Full PDB file with SEQRES, HELIX, SHEET, SSBOND, CRYST1, ORIGX, SCALE, CONECT and MASTER records, all heavy atoms in Angstrom:
SEQRES   1 A   43  GLY VAL MET ALA ALA ASN PRO GLU VAL SER ASP SER GLU          
SEQRES   2 A   43  GLU ALA ILE ALA ALA GLY LYS SER ILE PHE ASN THR ASN          
SEQRES   3 A   43  CYS LYS THR CYS HIS ARG LEU ASP GLN LYS ASN VAL GLY          
SEQRES   4 A   43  PRO ALA LEU ARG                                              
HELIX    1 AA1 GLU A   13  ASN A   26  1                                  14    
CRYST1    1.000    1.000    1.000  90.00  90.00  90.00 P 1           1          
ORIGX1      1.000000  0.000000  0.000000        0.00000                         
ORIGX2      0.000000  1.000000  0.000000        0.00000                         
ORIGX3      0.000000  0.000000  1.000000        0.00000                         
SCALE1      1.000000  0.000000  0.000000        0.00000                         
SCALE2      0.000000  1.000000  0.000000        0.00000                         
SCALE3      0.000000  0.000000  1.000000        0.00000                         
ATOM      1  N   GLY A   1       0.839  -1.213   0.052  1.00  0.00           N  
ATOM      2  CA  GLY A   1       0.043  -0.046   0.012  1.00  0.00           C  
ATOM      3  C   GLY A   1       0.903   1.262   0.004  1.00  0.00           C  
ATOM      4  O   GLY A   1       1.998   1.214   0.085  1.00  0.00           O  
ATOM      5  N   VAL A   2       0.203   2.416  -0.035  1.00  0.00           N  
ATOM      6  CA  VAL A   2       0.915   3.660  -0.148  1.00  0.00           C  
ATOM      7  C   VAL A   2       1.333   4.023   1.316  1.00  0.00           C  
ATOM      8  O   VAL A   2       0.571   4.028   2.310  1.00  0.00           O  
ATOM      9  CB  VAL A   2      -0.019   4.775  -0.620  1.00  0.00           C  
ATOM     10  CG1 VAL A   2       0.573   6.145  -0.535  1.00  0.00           C  
ATOM     11  CG2 VAL A   2      -0.413   4.362  -2.074  1.00  0.00           C  
ATOM     12  N   MET A   3       2.599   4.368   1.512  1.00  0.00           N  
ATOM     13  CA  MET A   3       3.153   4.783   2.779  1.00  0.00           C  
ATOM     14  C   MET A   3       3.272   6.295   2.880  1.00  0.00           C  
ATOM     15  O   MET A   3       3.568   6.966   1.898  1.00  0.00           O  
ATOM     16  CB  MET A   3       4.484   4.107   2.923  1.00  0.00           C  
ATOM     17  CG  MET A   3       4.430   2.602   2.923  1.00  0.00           C  
ATOM     18  SD  MET A   3       3.712   1.933   4.396  1.00  0.00           S  
ATOM     19  CE  MET A   3       3.959   0.135   4.042  1.00  0.00           C  
ATOM     20  N   ALA A   4       3.122   6.682   4.150  1.00  0.00           N  
ATOM     21  CA  ALA A   4       3.342   8.253   4.394  1.00  0.00           C  
ATOM     22  C   ALA A   4       4.744   8.416   4.868  1.00  0.00           C  
ATOM     23  O   ALA A   4       5.203   7.818   5.762  1.00  0.00           O  
ATOM     24  CB  ALA A   4       2.348   8.645   5.463  1.00  0.00           C  
ATOM     25  N   ALA A   5       5.475   9.318   4.227  1.00  0.00           N  
ATOM     26  CA  ALA A   5       6.929   9.547   4.633  1.00  0.00           C  
ATOM     27  C   ALA A   5       6.945  10.362   5.829  1.00  0.00           C  
ATOM     28  O   ALA A   5       6.106  11.184   6.251  1.00  0.00           O  
ATOM     29  CB  ALA A   5       7.520  10.316   3.447  1.00  0.00           C  
ATOM     30  N   ASN A   6       8.053  10.182   6.619  1.00  0.00           N  
ATOM     31  CA  ASN A   6       8.268  10.878   7.808  1.00  0.00           C  
ATOM     32  C   ASN A   6       8.397  12.403   7.440  1.00  0.00           C  
ATOM     33  O   ASN A   6       9.165  12.735   6.493  1.00  0.00           O  
ATOM     34  CB  ASN A   6       9.550  10.352   8.537  1.00  0.00           C  
ATOM     35  CG  ASN A   6       9.709  10.999   9.895  1.00  0.00           C  
ATOM     36  OD1 ASN A   6       9.785  12.165  10.035  1.00  0.00           O  
ATOM     37  ND2 ASN A   6       9.847   9.978  10.860  1.00  0.00           N  
ATOM     38  N   PRO A   7       7.725  13.265   8.204  1.00  0.00           N  
ATOM     39  CA  PRO A   7       7.825  14.677   7.736  1.00  0.00           C  
ATOM     40  C   PRO A   7       9.207  15.347   7.904  1.00  0.00           C  
ATOM     41  O   PRO A   7       9.419  16.355   7.378  1.00  0.00           O  
ATOM     42  CB  PRO A   7       6.831  15.401   8.806  1.00  0.00           C  
ATOM     43  CG  PRO A   7       6.640  14.400   9.851  1.00  0.00           C  
ATOM     44  CD  PRO A   7       6.810  13.004   9.275  1.00  0.00           C  
ATOM     45  N   GLU A   8      10.061  14.552   8.639  1.00  0.00           N  
ATOM     46  CA  GLU A   8      11.459  15.074   8.766  1.00  0.00           C  
ATOM     47  C   GLU A   8      12.296  14.873   7.491  1.00  0.00           C  
ATOM     48  O   GLU A   8      13.323  15.452   7.320  1.00  0.00           O  
ATOM     49  CB  GLU A   8      12.212  14.301   9.903  1.00  0.00           C  
ATOM     50  CG  GLU A   8      11.628  14.636  11.247  1.00  0.00           C  
ATOM     51  CD  GLU A   8      12.429  13.906  12.353  1.00  0.00           C  
ATOM     52  OE1 GLU A   8      13.666  13.727  12.193  1.00  0.00           O  
ATOM     53  OE2 GLU A   8      11.799  13.513  13.348  1.00  0.00           O  
ATOM     54  N   VAL A   9      11.753  14.015   6.637  1.00  0.00           N  
ATOM     55  CA  VAL A   9      12.480  13.747   5.367  1.00  0.00           C  
ATOM     56  C   VAL A   9      12.149  14.934   4.389  1.00  0.00           C  
ATOM     57  O   VAL A   9      11.044  15.240   4.001  1.00  0.00           O  
ATOM     58  CB  VAL A   9      12.030  12.443   4.797  1.00  0.00           C  
ATOM     59  CG1 VAL A   9      12.735  12.188   3.423  1.00  0.00           C  
ATOM     60  CG2 VAL A   9      12.407  11.306   5.711  1.00  0.00           C  
ATOM     61  N   SER A  10      13.174  15.583   3.846  1.00  0.00           N  
ATOM     62  CA  SER A  10      13.095  16.623   2.914  1.00  0.00           C  
ATOM     63  C   SER A  10      12.543  16.212   1.481  1.00  0.00           C  
ATOM     64  O   SER A  10      12.970  15.081   1.086  1.00  0.00           O  
ATOM     65  CB  SER A  10      14.334  17.359   2.774  1.00  0.00           C  
ATOM     66  OG  SER A  10      14.280  18.372   1.734  1.00  0.00           O  
ATOM     67  N   ASP A  11      11.748  16.931   0.903  1.00  0.00           N  
ATOM     68  CA  ASP A  11      11.283  16.764  -0.454  1.00  0.00           C  
ATOM     69  C   ASP A  11      11.967  17.701  -1.486  1.00  0.00           C  
ATOM     70  O   ASP A  11      11.353  17.886  -2.604  1.00  0.00           O  
ATOM     71  CB  ASP A  11       9.768  16.680  -0.513  1.00  0.00           C  
ATOM     72  CG  ASP A  11       9.204  18.093  -0.185  1.00  0.00           C  
ATOM     73  OD1 ASP A  11       9.945  18.997   0.254  1.00  0.00           O  
ATOM     74  OD2 ASP A  11       7.943  18.220  -0.346  1.00  0.00           O  
ATOM     75  N   SER A  12      12.924  18.424  -1.097  1.00  0.00           N  
ATOM     76  CA  SER A  12      13.616  19.377  -1.969  1.00  0.00           C  
ATOM     77  C   SER A  12      14.363  18.698  -3.158  1.00  0.00           C  
ATOM     78  O   SER A  12      14.773  17.473  -2.882  1.00  0.00           O  
ATOM     79  CB  SER A  12      14.564  20.223  -1.228  1.00  0.00           C  
ATOM     80  OG  SER A  12      15.709  19.491  -0.805  1.00  0.00           O  
ATOM     81  N   GLU A  13      14.434  19.333  -4.228  1.00  0.00           N  
ATOM     82  CA  GLU A  13      15.056  18.759  -5.431  1.00  0.00           C  
ATOM     83  C   GLU A  13      16.562  18.498  -5.176  1.00  0.00           C  
ATOM     84  O   GLU A  13      17.119  17.496  -5.667  1.00  0.00           O  
ATOM     85  CB  GLU A  13      14.907  19.700  -6.711  1.00  0.00           C  
ATOM     86  CG  GLU A  13      13.481  19.842  -7.138  1.00  0.00           C  
ATOM     87  CD  GLU A  13      13.365  20.685  -8.359  1.00  0.00           C  
ATOM     88  OE1 GLU A  13      14.428  21.083  -8.878  1.00  0.00           O  
ATOM     89  OE2 GLU A  13      12.323  20.861  -8.879  1.00  0.00           O  
ATOM     90  N   GLU A  14      17.167  19.371  -4.380  1.00  0.00           N  
ATOM     91  CA  GLU A  14      18.616  19.222  -4.075  1.00  0.00           C  
ATOM     92  C   GLU A  14      18.880  17.880  -3.273  1.00  0.00           C  
ATOM     93  O   GLU A  14      19.720  17.159  -3.565  1.00  0.00           O  
ATOM     94  CB  GLU A  14      19.212  20.382  -3.322  1.00  0.00           C  
ATOM     95  CG  GLU A  14      19.205  21.692  -4.124  1.00  0.00           C  
ATOM     96  CD  GLU A  14      17.874  22.370  -4.213  1.00  0.00           C  
ATOM     97  OE1 GLU A  14      16.858  21.894  -3.560  1.00  0.00           O  
ATOM     98  OE2 GLU A  14      17.721  23.309  -4.954  1.00  0.00           O  
ATOM     99  N   ALA A  15      18.054  17.650  -2.236  1.00  0.00           N  
ATOM    100  CA  ALA A  15      18.203  16.507  -1.432  1.00  0.00           C  
ATOM    101  C   ALA A  15      17.917  15.282  -2.181  1.00  0.00           C  
ATOM    102  O   ALA A  15      18.605  14.174  -2.131  1.00  0.00           O  
ATOM    103  CB  ALA A  15      17.236  16.608  -0.159  1.00  0.00           C  
ATOM    104  N   ILE A  16      16.879  15.310  -3.069  1.00  0.00           N  
ATOM    105  CA  ILE A  16      16.430  14.073  -3.928  1.00  0.00           C  
ATOM    106  C   ILE A  16      17.634  13.745  -4.811  1.00  0.00           C  
ATOM    107  O   ILE A  16      17.959  12.613  -5.065  1.00  0.00           O  
ATOM    108  CB  ILE A  16      15.189  14.370  -4.653  1.00  0.00           C  
ATOM    109  CG1 ILE A  16      13.974  14.458  -3.634  1.00  0.00           C  
ATOM    110  CG2 ILE A  16      14.825  13.292  -5.617  1.00  0.00           C  
ATOM    111  CD1 ILE A  16      12.685  14.873  -4.270  1.00  0.00           C  
ATOM    112  N   ALA A  17      18.166  14.811  -5.516  1.00  0.00           N  
ATOM    113  CA  ALA A  17      19.350  14.595  -6.467  1.00  0.00           C  
ATOM    114  C   ALA A  17      20.527  14.018  -5.724  1.00  0.00           C  
ATOM    115  O   ALA A  17      21.115  13.019  -6.257  1.00  0.00           O  
ATOM    116  CB  ALA A  17      19.658  15.869  -7.083  1.00  0.00           C  
ATOM    117  N   ALA A  18      20.874  14.445  -4.541  1.00  0.00           N  
ATOM    118  CA  ALA A  18      22.006  13.995  -3.845  1.00  0.00           C  
ATOM    119  C   ALA A  18      21.773  12.544  -3.388  1.00  0.00           C  
ATOM    120  O   ALA A  18      22.594  11.659  -3.440  1.00  0.00           O  
ATOM    121  CB  ALA A  18      22.318  14.861  -2.624  1.00  0.00           C  
ATOM    122  N   GLY A  19      20.516  12.269  -2.930  1.00  0.00           N  
ATOM    123  CA  GLY A  19      20.149  10.900  -2.537  1.00  0.00           C  
ATOM    124  C   GLY A  19      20.171   9.921  -3.630  1.00  0.00           C  
ATOM    125  O   GLY A  19      20.575   8.753  -3.553  1.00  0.00           O  
ATOM    126  N   LYS A  20      19.801  10.402  -4.919  1.00  0.00           N  
ATOM    127  CA  LYS A  20      19.781   9.530  -6.043  1.00  0.00           C  
ATOM    128  C   LYS A  20      21.179   9.066  -6.421  1.00  0.00           C  
ATOM    129  O   LYS A  20      21.400   7.957  -6.754  1.00  0.00           O  
ATOM    130  CB  LYS A  20      19.119  10.212  -7.259  1.00  0.00           C  
ATOM    131  CG  LYS A  20      18.952   9.347  -8.451  1.00  0.00           C  
ATOM    132  CD  LYS A  20      18.214  10.055  -9.558  1.00  0.00           C  
ATOM    133  CE  LYS A  20      18.030   9.138 -10.708  1.00  0.00           C  
ATOM    134  NZ  LYS A  20      17.248   9.764 -11.792  1.00  0.00           N  
ATOM    135  N   SER A  21      22.129   9.970  -6.221  1.00  0.00           N  
ATOM    136  CA  SER A  21      23.555   9.547  -6.517  1.00  0.00           C  
ATOM    137  C   SER A  21      23.971   8.567  -5.559  1.00  0.00           C  
ATOM    138  O   SER A  21      24.679   7.576  -6.022  1.00  0.00           O  
ATOM    139  CB  SER A  21      24.358  10.908  -6.359  1.00  0.00           C  
ATOM    140  OG  SER A  21      25.742  10.561  -6.545  1.00  0.00           O  
ATOM    141  N   ILE A  22      23.656   8.678  -4.340  1.00  0.00           N  
ATOM    142  CA  ILE A  22      24.037   7.685  -3.348  1.00  0.00           C  
ATOM    143  C   ILE A  22      23.329   6.335  -3.590  1.00  0.00           C  
ATOM    144  O   ILE A  22      23.999   5.343  -3.552  1.00  0.00           O  
ATOM    145  CB  ILE A  22      23.684   8.144  -1.877  1.00  0.00           C  
ATOM    146  CG1 ILE A  22      24.489   9.375  -1.533  1.00  0.00           C  
ATOM    147  CG2 ILE A  22      23.970   6.989  -0.866  1.00  0.00           C  
ATOM    148  CD1 ILE A  22      24.076  10.056  -0.204  1.00  0.00           C  
ATOM    149  N   PHE A  23      22.149   6.433  -3.976  1.00  0.00           N  
ATOM    150  CA  PHE A  23      21.332   5.227  -4.316  1.00  0.00           C  
ATOM    151  C   PHE A  23      21.883   4.489  -5.495  1.00  0.00           C  
ATOM    152  O   PHE A  23      22.037   3.290  -5.472  1.00  0.00           O  
ATOM    153  CB  PHE A  23      19.868   5.548  -4.512  1.00  0.00           C  
ATOM    154  CG  PHE A  23      18.955   4.370  -4.931  1.00  0.00           C  
ATOM    155  CD1 PHE A  23      18.369   3.581  -4.001  1.00  0.00           C  
ATOM    156  CD2 PHE A  23      18.723   4.108  -6.243  1.00  0.00           C  
ATOM    157  CE1 PHE A  23      17.575   2.567  -4.306  1.00  0.00           C  
ATOM    158  CE2 PHE A  23      18.007   3.107  -6.674  1.00  0.00           C  
ATOM    159  CZ  PHE A  23      17.370   2.316  -5.720  1.00  0.00           C  
ATOM    160  N   ASN A  24      22.172   5.255  -6.614  1.00  0.00           N  
ATOM    161  CA  ASN A  24      22.652   4.566  -7.819  1.00  0.00           C  
ATOM    162  C   ASN A  24      23.990   3.967  -7.569  1.00  0.00           C  
ATOM    163  O   ASN A  24      24.301   2.974  -8.135  1.00  0.00           O  
ATOM    164  CB  ASN A  24      22.719   5.646  -8.911  1.00  0.00           C  
ATOM    165  CG  ASN A  24      21.274   5.991  -9.440  1.00  0.00           C  
ATOM    166  OD1 ASN A  24      20.400   5.220  -9.227  1.00  0.00           O  
ATOM    167  ND2 ASN A  24      21.240   7.187 -10.082  1.00  0.00           N  
ATOM    168  N   THR A  25      24.805   4.638  -6.740  1.00  0.00           N  
ATOM    169  CA  THR A  25      26.213   4.150  -6.485  1.00  0.00           C  
ATOM    170  C   THR A  25      26.225   2.910  -5.656  1.00  0.00           C  
ATOM    171  O   THR A  25      26.987   1.932  -5.831  1.00  0.00           O  
ATOM    172  CB  THR A  25      27.026   5.125  -5.833  1.00  0.00           C  
ATOM    173  OG1 THR A  25      27.052   6.352  -6.625  1.00  0.00           O  
ATOM    174  CG2 THR A  25      28.408   4.663  -5.616  1.00  0.00           C  
ATOM    175  N   ASN A  26      25.227   2.665  -4.654  1.00  0.00           N  
ATOM    176  CA  ASN A  26      25.264   1.714  -3.661  1.00  0.00           C  
ATOM    177  C   ASN A  26      24.145   0.696  -3.551  1.00  0.00           C  
ATOM    178  O   ASN A  26      24.381  -0.392  -3.076  1.00  0.00           O  
ATOM    179  CB  ASN A  26      25.613   2.310  -2.302  1.00  0.00           C  
ATOM    180  CG  ASN A  26      26.747   3.310  -2.233  1.00  0.00           C  
ATOM    181  OD1 ASN A  26      27.886   2.815  -2.221  1.00  0.00           O  
ATOM    182  ND2 ASN A  26      26.499   4.554  -2.208  1.00  0.00           N  
ATOM    183  N   CYS A  27      23.036   1.119  -4.122  1.00  0.00           N  
ATOM    184  CA  CYS A  27      21.894   0.338  -3.830  1.00  0.00           C  
ATOM    185  C   CYS A  27      21.106  -0.253  -5.027  1.00  0.00           C  
ATOM    186  O   CYS A  27      20.378  -1.188  -4.945  1.00  0.00           O  
ATOM    187  CB  CYS A  27      20.796   1.189  -3.025  1.00  0.00           C  
ATOM    188  SG  CYS A  27      21.530   2.204  -1.760  1.00  0.00           S  
ATOM    189  N   LYS A  28      21.338   0.421  -6.191  1.00  0.00           N  
ATOM    190  CA  LYS A  28      20.607   0.054  -7.427  1.00  0.00           C  
ATOM    191  C   LYS A  28      20.692  -1.387  -7.892  1.00  0.00           C  
ATOM    192  O   LYS A  28      19.697  -1.897  -8.542  1.00  0.00           O  
ATOM    193  CB  LYS A  28      20.957   1.154  -8.521  1.00  0.00           C  
ATOM    194  CG  LYS A  28      20.088   0.979  -9.810  1.00  0.00           C  
ATOM    195  CD  LYS A  28      20.436   2.056 -10.770  1.00  0.00           C  
ATOM    196  CE  LYS A  28      19.531   1.935 -12.027  1.00  0.00           C  
ATOM    197  NZ  LYS A  28      19.903   2.907 -13.042  1.00  0.00           N  
ATOM    198  N   THR A  29      21.826  -1.781  -7.640  1.00  0.00           N  
ATOM    199  CA  THR A  29      22.015  -3.313  -8.099  1.00  0.00           C  
ATOM    200  C   THR A  29      21.041  -4.273  -7.487  1.00  0.00           C  
ATOM    201  O   THR A  29      20.555  -5.187  -8.116  1.00  0.00           O  
ATOM    202  CB  THR A  29      23.494  -3.794  -7.783  1.00  0.00           C  
ATOM    203  OG1 THR A  29      24.395  -2.908  -8.399  1.00  0.00           O  
ATOM    204  CG2 THR A  29      23.684  -5.136  -8.108  1.00  0.00           C  
ATOM    205  N   CYS A  30      20.679  -3.974  -6.173  1.00  0.00           N  
ATOM    206  CA  CYS A  30      19.782  -4.982  -5.549  1.00  0.00           C  
ATOM    207  C   CYS A  30      18.407  -4.461  -5.246  1.00  0.00           C  
ATOM    208  O   CYS A  30      17.539  -5.238  -4.865  1.00  0.00           O  
ATOM    209  CB  CYS A  30      20.452  -5.330  -4.169  1.00  0.00           C  
ATOM    210  SG  CYS A  30      22.071  -6.175  -4.359  1.00  0.00           S  
ATOM    211  N   HIS A  31      18.143  -3.166  -5.464  1.00  0.00           N  
ATOM    212  CA  HIS A  31      16.931  -2.539  -4.922  1.00  0.00           C  
ATOM    213  C   HIS A  31      16.167  -1.743  -6.064  1.00  0.00           C  
ATOM    214  O   HIS A  31      16.829  -1.180  -6.932  1.00  0.00           O  
ATOM    215  CB  HIS A  31      17.048  -1.804  -3.727  1.00  0.00           C  
ATOM    216  CG  HIS A  31      17.585  -2.578  -2.572  1.00  0.00           C  
ATOM    217  ND1 HIS A  31      16.608  -3.267  -1.805  1.00  0.00           N  
ATOM    218  CD2 HIS A  31      18.712  -2.831  -2.034  1.00  0.00           C  
ATOM    219  CE1 HIS A  31      17.178  -3.807  -0.833  1.00  0.00           C  
ATOM    220  NE2 HIS A  31      18.582  -3.651  -0.971  1.00  0.00           N  
ATOM    221  N   ARG A  32      14.903  -1.675  -5.943  1.00  0.00           N  
ATOM    222  CA  ARG A  32      14.064  -0.743  -6.683  1.00  0.00           C  
ATOM    223  C   ARG A  32      13.239   0.069  -5.672  1.00  0.00           C  
ATOM    224  O   ARG A  32      13.110  -0.428  -4.528  1.00  0.00           O  
ATOM    225  CB  ARG A  32      13.140  -1.454  -7.652  1.00  0.00           C  
ATOM    226  CG  ARG A  32      13.861  -2.286  -8.631  1.00  0.00           C  
ATOM    227  CD  ARG A  32      14.705  -1.377  -9.692  1.00  0.00           C  
ATOM    228  NE  ARG A  32      15.435  -2.280 -10.611  1.00  0.00           N  
ATOM    229  CZ  ARG A  32      16.642  -2.712 -10.377  1.00  0.00           C  
ATOM    230  NH1 ARG A  32      17.298  -2.493  -9.195  1.00  0.00           N  
ATOM    231  NH2 ARG A  32      17.271  -3.510 -11.263  1.00  0.00           N  
ATOM    232  N   LEU A  33      12.710   1.187  -6.046  1.00  0.00           N  
ATOM    233  CA  LEU A  33      11.835   2.024  -5.096  1.00  0.00           C  
ATOM    234  C   LEU A  33      10.568   1.380  -4.830  1.00  0.00           C  
ATOM    235  O   LEU A  33      10.090   1.413  -3.661  1.00  0.00           O  
ATOM    236  CB  LEU A  33      11.749   3.431  -5.592  1.00  0.00           C  
ATOM    237  CG  LEU A  33      12.950   4.253  -5.895  1.00  0.00           C  
ATOM    238  CD1 LEU A  33      12.734   5.572  -6.328  1.00  0.00           C  
ATOM    239  CD2 LEU A  33      13.865   4.317  -4.604  1.00  0.00           C  
ATOM    240  N   ASP A  34       9.974   0.794  -5.848  1.00  0.00           N  
ATOM    241  CA  ASP A  34       8.503   0.424  -5.730  1.00  0.00           C  
ATOM    242  C   ASP A  34       8.216  -1.130  -6.069  1.00  0.00           C  
ATOM    243  O   ASP A  34       7.091  -1.436  -6.076  1.00  0.00           O  
ATOM    244  CB  ASP A  34       7.669   1.294  -6.671  1.00  0.00           C  
ATOM    245  CG  ASP A  34       7.788   2.763  -6.318  1.00  0.00           C  
ATOM    246  OD1 ASP A  34       7.221   3.171  -5.242  1.00  0.00           O  
ATOM    247  OD2 ASP A  34       8.310   3.571  -7.020  1.00  0.00           O  
ATOM    248  N   GLN A  35       9.210  -1.824  -6.259  1.00  0.00           N  
ATOM    249  CA  GLN A  35       9.009  -3.251  -6.408  1.00  0.00           C  
ATOM    250  C   GLN A  35      10.139  -4.031  -5.951  1.00  0.00           C  
ATOM    251  O   GLN A  35      11.289  -3.506  -5.980  1.00  0.00           O  
ATOM    252  CB  GLN A  35       8.736  -3.514  -7.895  1.00  0.00           C  
ATOM    253  CG  GLN A  35       9.792  -3.055  -8.855  1.00  0.00           C  
ATOM    254  CD  GLN A  35       9.477  -3.213 -10.307  1.00  0.00           C  
ATOM    255  OE1 GLN A  35       8.697  -4.125 -10.675  1.00  0.00           O  
ATOM    256  NE2 GLN A  35      10.070  -2.412 -11.214  1.00  0.00           N  
ATOM    257  N   LYS A  36       9.912  -5.267  -5.630  1.00  0.00           N  
ATOM    258  CA  LYS A  36      11.052  -6.103  -4.993  1.00  0.00           C  
ATOM    259  C   LYS A  36      11.985  -6.531  -6.172  1.00  0.00           C  
ATOM    260  O   LYS A  36      11.561  -6.816  -7.230  1.00  0.00           O  
ATOM    261  CB  LYS A  36      10.422  -7.348  -4.354  1.00  0.00           C  
ATOM    262  CG  LYS A  36       9.605  -7.050  -3.117  1.00  0.00           C  
ATOM    263  CD  LYS A  36       9.204  -8.349  -2.426  1.00  0.00           C  
ATOM    264  CE  LYS A  36      10.394  -9.125  -1.947  1.00  0.00           C  
ATOM    265  NZ  LYS A  36       9.893 -10.349  -1.241  1.00  0.00           N  
ATOM    266  N   ASN A  37      13.227  -6.584  -5.861  1.00  0.00           N  
ATOM    267  CA  ASN A  37      14.200  -7.074  -6.774  1.00  0.00           C  
ATOM    268  C   ASN A  37      15.010  -8.051  -6.027  1.00  0.00           C  
ATOM    269  O   ASN A  37      14.459  -9.074  -5.483  1.00  0.00           O  
ATOM    270  CB  ASN A  37      15.137  -5.943  -7.298  1.00  0.00           C  
ATOM    271  CG  ASN A  37      15.951  -6.294  -8.372  1.00  0.00           C  
ATOM    272  OD1 ASN A  37      15.574  -7.203  -9.244  1.00  0.00           O  
ATOM    273  ND2 ASN A  37      17.059  -5.732  -8.621  1.00  0.00           N  
ATOM    274  N   VAL A  38      16.321  -7.979  -5.838  1.00  0.00           N  
ATOM    275  CA  VAL A  38      17.083  -8.874  -4.946  1.00  0.00           C  
ATOM    276  C   VAL A  38      16.684  -8.643  -3.567  1.00  0.00           C  
ATOM    277  O   VAL A  38      16.563  -9.537  -2.777  1.00  0.00           O  
ATOM    278  CB  VAL A  38      18.564  -8.588  -5.202  1.00  0.00           C  
ATOM    279  CG1 VAL A  38      19.314  -9.448  -4.217  1.00  0.00           C  
ATOM    280  CG2 VAL A  38      19.022  -8.977  -6.591  1.00  0.00           C  
ATOM    281  N   GLY A  39      16.567  -7.294  -3.180  1.00  0.00           N  
ATOM    282  CA  GLY A  39      16.086  -6.841  -1.846  1.00  0.00           C  
ATOM    283  C   GLY A  39      14.691  -6.330  -2.017  1.00  0.00           C  
ATOM    284  O   GLY A  39      14.045  -6.300  -3.050  1.00  0.00           O  
ATOM    285  N   PRO A  40      14.118  -5.947  -0.950  1.00  0.00           N  
ATOM    286  CA  PRO A  40      12.753  -5.428  -0.923  1.00  0.00           C  
ATOM    287  C   PRO A  40      12.568  -4.064  -1.520  1.00  0.00           C  
ATOM    288  O   PRO A  40      13.540  -3.374  -1.707  1.00  0.00           O  
ATOM    289  CB  PRO A  40      12.380  -5.415   0.601  1.00  0.00           C  
ATOM    290  CG  PRO A  40      13.654  -5.188   1.349  1.00  0.00           C  
ATOM    291  CD  PRO A  40      14.696  -5.965   0.508  1.00  0.00           C  
ATOM    292  N   ALA A  41      11.368  -3.664  -1.920  1.00  0.00           N  
ATOM    293  CA  ALA A  41      11.126  -2.268  -2.298  1.00  0.00           C  
ATOM    294  C   ALA A  41      11.365  -1.341  -1.217  1.00  0.00           C  
ATOM    295  O   ALA A  41      11.250  -1.681  -0.097  1.00  0.00           O  
ATOM    296  CB  ALA A  41       9.631  -2.276  -2.920  1.00  0.00           C  
ATOM    297  N   LEU A  42      11.808  -0.124  -1.503  1.00  0.00           N  
ATOM    298  CA  LEU A  42      12.294   0.670  -0.460  1.00  0.00           C  
ATOM    299  C   LEU A  42      11.235   1.839  -0.142  1.00  0.00           C  
ATOM    300  O   LEU A  42      11.361   2.322   1.068  1.00  0.00           O  
ATOM    301  CB  LEU A  42      13.549   1.450  -1.015  1.00  0.00           C  
ATOM    302  CG  LEU A  42      14.654   0.416  -1.572  1.00  0.00           C  
ATOM    303  CD1 LEU A  42      15.998   1.258  -1.860  1.00  0.00           C  
ATOM    304  CD2 LEU A  42      15.035  -0.556  -0.375  1.00  0.00           C  
ATOM    305  N   ARG A  43      10.539   2.302  -0.990  1.00  0.00           N  
ATOM    306  CA  ARG A  43       9.663   3.530  -0.670  1.00  0.00           C  
ATOM    307  C   ARG A  43       8.738   3.218   0.450  1.00  0.00           C  
ATOM    308  O   ARG A  43       8.124   2.186   0.557  1.00  0.00           O  
ATOM    309  CB  ARG A  43       8.857   3.885  -1.918  1.00  0.00           C  
ATOM    310  CG  ARG A  43       8.486   5.446  -1.829  1.00  0.00           C  
ATOM    311  CD  ARG A  43       7.523   5.806  -2.941  1.00  0.00           C  
ATOM    312  NE  ARG A  43       8.022   5.585  -4.295  1.00  0.00           N  
ATOM    313  CZ  ARG A  43       8.905   6.306  -4.933  1.00  0.00           C  
ATOM    314  NH1 ARG A  43       9.371   7.466  -4.469  1.00  0.00           N  
ATOM    315  NH2 ARG A  43       9.295   5.987  -6.183  1.00  0.00           N  
TER     316      ARG A  43                                                      
MASTER        0    0    0    1    0    0    0    6  315    1    0    4          
END                                                                             
């Protein structure tokens, strides 16, 4: 189902872009945001 994000998490474009870089470098091989891959979905 749809999850509500913690309000402490920023939704700014700068934070999302920086987080995407970390995700692509370290997590993308095993994970997707909205569906299971090697590991669980993350969102």
